[in-house]
Protein backbone atom coordinates (compact mmCIF):
# COMPACT_ATOMS: atom_id res chain seq x y z
CA GLU A 1 0.00 0.00 0.00
CA ASN A 2 2.83 2.42 0.84
CA SER A 3 4.56 1.75 -2.46
CA ILE A 4 1.34 2.38 -4.36
CA ALA A 5 0.80 5.65 -2.47
CA CYS A 6 4.35 6.80 -3.26
CA HIS A 7 3.95 6.10 -6.97
CA ARG A 8 0.60 7.91 -7.03
CA GLU A 9 2.25 10.89 -5.35
CA ALA A 10 5.03 10.81 -7.96
CA ILE A 11 2.42 10.88 -10.72
CA SER A 12 0.68 13.80 -9.04
CA GLN A 13 3.94 15.75 -8.77
CA THR A 14 4.87 14.98 -12.37
CA GLU A 15 1.50 16.19 -13.64
CA MET A 16 1.62 19.31 -11.45
CA PHE A 17 5.14 20.52 -12.14
CA LEU A 18 6.43 18.97 -15.34
CA ARG A 19 3.27 18.76 -17.43
CA GLU A 20 4.99 15.95 -19.29
CA GLU A 21 3.74 12.41 -19.31
CA SER A 22 6.60 10.50 -17.73
CA PHE A 23 4.71 8.22 -15.41
CA GLY A 24 4.65 4.92 -17.30
CA ILE A 25 6.96 3.39 -14.73
CA ASP A 26 4.87 4.68 -11.84
CA TYR A 27 1.68 3.16 -13.20
CA PHE A 28 3.63 -0.02 -13.91
CA ASN A 29 4.82 -0.21 -10.30
CA ILE A 30 1.33 0.59 -9.04
CA GLY A 31 0.12 -2.35 -11.16
CA LEU A 32 2.72 -4.62 -9.57
CA GLY A 33 1.64 -3.61 -6.07
CA LEU A 34 -2.06 -3.96 -6.80
CA TYR A 35 -1.49 -7.37 -8.35
CA GLU A 36 0.39 -8.55 -5.26
CA LEU A 37 -2.53 -7.33 -3.13
CA GLY A 38 -4.96 -9.34 -5.25
CA ARG A 39 -6.64 -6.22 -6.58
CA TYR A 40 -6.61 -7.48 -10.16
CA GLN A 41 -9.11 -5.08 -11.75
CA GLU A 42 -7.19 -2.08 -10.40
CA ALA A 43 -3.89 -3.68 -11.46
CA LYS A 44 -5.27 -4.12 -14.97
CA ASP A 45 -6.23 -0.43 -15.14
CA ALA A 46 -2.77 0.64 -13.92
CA TYR A 47 -0.98 -1.57 -16.45
CA LEU A 48 -3.17 -0.29 -19.27
CA ARG A 49 -2.35 3.32 -18.32
CA SER A 50 1.33 2.40 -18.08
CA ARG A 51 1.14 0.77 -21.50
CA VAL A 52 -0.32 3.95 -23.04
CA ALA A 53 2.47 6.07 -21.50
CA PHE A 54 5.18 3.69 -22.74
CA LYS A 55 3.62 3.59 -26.21
CA ALA A 56 3.58 7.39 -26.38
CA LYS A 57 7.33 7.41 -25.66
CA ASP A 58 8.08 4.49 -28.04
CA GLU A 59 9.42 2.41 -25.14
CA ILE A 60 8.54 -0.89 -26.79
CA ASP A 61 10.35 -3.15 -24.33
CA SER A 62 8.48 -1.54 -21.42
CA LEU A 63 5.20 -1.71 -23.33
CA VAL A 64 5.69 -5.46 -23.82
CA GLU A 65 6.46 -5.86 -20.10
CA CYS A 66 3.00 -4.39 -19.55
CA ASP A 67 1.56 -6.98 -21.95
CA TYR A 68 3.36 -9.71 -20.01
CA TRP A 69 1.94 -8.56 -16.69
CA LEU A 70 -1.49 -7.87 -18.19
CA THR A 71 -1.51 -11.48 -19.32
CA GLU A 72 -0.96 -12.61 -15.74
CA VAL A 73 -3.69 -10.26 -14.51
CA TYR A 74 -6.12 -11.63 -17.09
CA VAL A 75 -5.25 -15.16 -15.95
CA ALA A 76 -6.29 -14.14 -12.43
CA LEU A 77 -9.47 -12.58 -13.87
CA LYS A 78 -10.11 -15.71 -15.99
CA ASP A 79 -10.43 -13.64 -19.18
CA PRO A 80 -9.22 -15.92 -22.00
CA VAL A 81 -9.69 -13.42 -24.83
CA ASN A 82 -7.40 -10.86 -23.22
CA ILE A 83 -4.95 -13.52 -22.05
CA ILE A 84 -4.51 -14.45 -25.70
CA HIS A 85 -4.53 -10.83 -26.93
CA HIS A 86 -1.76 -9.61 -24.63
CA GLY A 87 -0.03 -12.96 -24.13
CA GLN A 88 0.54 -13.71 -27.81
CA ARG A 89 2.06 -10.28 -28.44
CA ALA A 90 4.37 -10.69 -25.45
CA LEU A 91 5.22 -14.26 -26.50
CA ASP A 92 6.18 -13.11 -29.99
CA PHE A 93 8.41 -10.35 -28.59
CA PHE A 94 10.14 -12.52 -25.99
CA THR A 95 10.60 -15.34 -28.51
CA VAL A 96 12.47 -12.91 -30.78
CA LEU A 97 14.56 -11.77 -27.81
CA GLY A 98 15.23 -15.35 -26.71
CA ASP A 99 13.91 -14.75 -23.18
CA ASP A 100 13.13 -18.40 -22.52
CA ARG A 101 11.76 -17.92 -19.02
CA LYS A 102 9.11 -15.50 -20.21
CA VAL A 103 8.43 -17.69 -23.25
CA TRP A 104 7.61 -20.76 -21.17
CA THR A 105 5.58 -18.72 -18.69
CA LEU A 106 3.56 -17.14 -21.49
CA LYS A 107 2.97 -20.53 -23.10
CA TYR A 108 1.59 -21.71 -19.76
CA PHE A 109 -0.68 -18.65 -19.56
CA LEU A 110 -1.87 -19.19 -23.13
CA GLY A 111 -2.56 -22.81 -22.20
CA ILE A 112 -4.78 -21.55 -19.40
CA ALA A 113 -6.66 -19.33 -21.87
CA HIS A 114 -7.28 -22.26 -24.19
CA ARG A 115 -8.39 -24.39 -21.24
CA LEU A 116 -10.88 -21.67 -20.30
CA LEU A 117 -12.12 -21.73 -23.92
CA ASN A 118 -12.41 -25.54 -23.68
CA ASP A 119 -9.79 -26.01 -26.42
CA LEU A 120 -8.15 -28.88 -24.57
CA GLU A 121 -5.86 -29.98 -27.41
CA THR A 122 -4.22 -26.56 -27.74
CA ALA A 123 -4.06 -26.17 -23.96
CA SER A 124 -2.30 -29.54 -23.66
CA ARG A 125 0.21 -28.65 -26.39
CA LEU A 126 1.01 -25.30 -24.76
CA TYR A 127 1.40 -26.84 -21.29
CA ASP A 128 3.76 -29.45 -22.73
CA GLU A 129 5.77 -26.80 -24.58
CA ALA A 130 6.02 -24.67 -21.43
CA ARG A 131 7.14 -27.57 -19.26
CA ASN A 132 9.55 -29.03 -21.80
CA LEU A 133 11.20 -25.67 -22.51
CA ALA A 134 11.60 -24.92 -18.80
CA VAL A 135 13.20 -28.31 -18.14
CA ALA A 136 15.34 -28.23 -21.30
CA MET A 137 16.77 -24.86 -20.33
CA GLY A 138 17.78 -26.26 -16.96
CA TRP A 139 15.21 -24.28 -15.05
CA LYS A 140 14.19 -26.30 -12.05
CA GLU A 141 11.64 -23.93 -10.55
CA TRP A 142 9.47 -26.60 -8.98
CA GLU A 143 6.65 -24.17 -8.15
CA PHE A 144 6.19 -23.36 -11.84
CA LEU A 145 6.51 -26.99 -12.88
CA ILE A 146 3.87 -28.18 -10.42
CA LYS A 147 1.50 -25.49 -11.68
CA VAL A 148 1.93 -26.88 -15.17
CA ASP A 149 1.60 -30.47 -13.94
CA THR A 150 -1.58 -29.58 -12.04
CA ALA A 151 -3.02 -28.04 -15.21
CA VAL A 152 -2.09 -31.16 -17.19
CA ALA A 153 -3.74 -33.34 -14.54
CA ASP A 154 -6.89 -31.25 -14.94
CA LEU A 155 -6.85 -31.96 -18.68
CA TYR A 156 -6.40 -35.68 -18.05
CA GLU A 157 -9.27 -35.64 -15.58
CA THR A 158 -11.49 -33.79 -18.04
CA ASN A 159 -10.67 -36.38 -20.71
CA GLY A 160 -11.55 -39.26 -18.38
CA MET A 161 -7.93 -40.32 -17.88
CA HIS A 162 -8.33 -40.51 -14.11
CA GLU A 163 -5.32 -42.76 -13.40
CA TYR A 164 -2.92 -40.43 -15.22
CA ALA A 165 -4.38 -37.41 -13.45
CA ALA A 166 -4.16 -39.14 -10.07
CA GLU A 167 -0.49 -40.05 -10.59
CA ILE A 168 0.45 -36.49 -11.55
CA LEU A 169 -1.45 -35.07 -8.58
CA ARG A 170 0.23 -37.59 -6.26
CA ARG A 171 3.64 -36.33 -7.42
CA VAL A 172 2.55 -32.72 -7.05
CA LYS A 173 1.36 -33.37 -3.52
CA SER A 174 4.63 -35.10 -2.68
CA VAL A 175 6.67 -32.12 -3.85
CA GLN A 176 4.41 -29.70 -1.98
CA GLU A 177 4.82 -31.76 1.18
CA LEU A 178 8.59 -31.65 0.80
CA ALA A 179 8.39 -27.87 0.73
CA ALA A 180 5.99 -27.57 3.65
CA LYS A 181 7.65 -26.43 6.84
CA ASP A 182 5.37 -28.34 9.19
CA VAL A 183 5.82 -31.82 7.69
CA CYS A 184 7.55 -34.45 9.78
CA ASP A 185 10.29 -36.33 7.95
CA GLU A 186 9.38 -39.83 9.15
CA ALA A 187 7.65 -42.63 7.26
CA ALA A 188 5.21 -43.59 10.01
């Protein structure tokens, strides 16, 4: 909340004294704070304002960062059309740049969009691509990988492949238990 207030004050001062739109970064940071607070609609509005400011200054890399974060906001809002709209643009940009981490994250987000649209085949392909790229690049971020595995298990469950889904979810649960601080490390 304090960070958001500071950035809003910076915007106010910029508008009052400079009369020049230089607050793309402030709206961006407000969006980050609002997202972390779970205030997704407000975060979306801040990122969209940030995006406009960056576009006006031809700061394309910053504009695409807004698209990346807007994609995550739209995932939280369960808005598949806007996930695809912003996510595909960001995916294209980060693919050209070779930013593999953002590429696999965006593929996961796009998989979520297709799952929300009930396009299970495309969702499955995107989840697989996200997971395979993350693992191939040596990224062992287990929290990301279990999100993808949980999404894949959901697809298996939806397709009536209950045993496959159960096995994936068993592994996910095992990893989550390893990370839990209150789990005893004894078999019985």
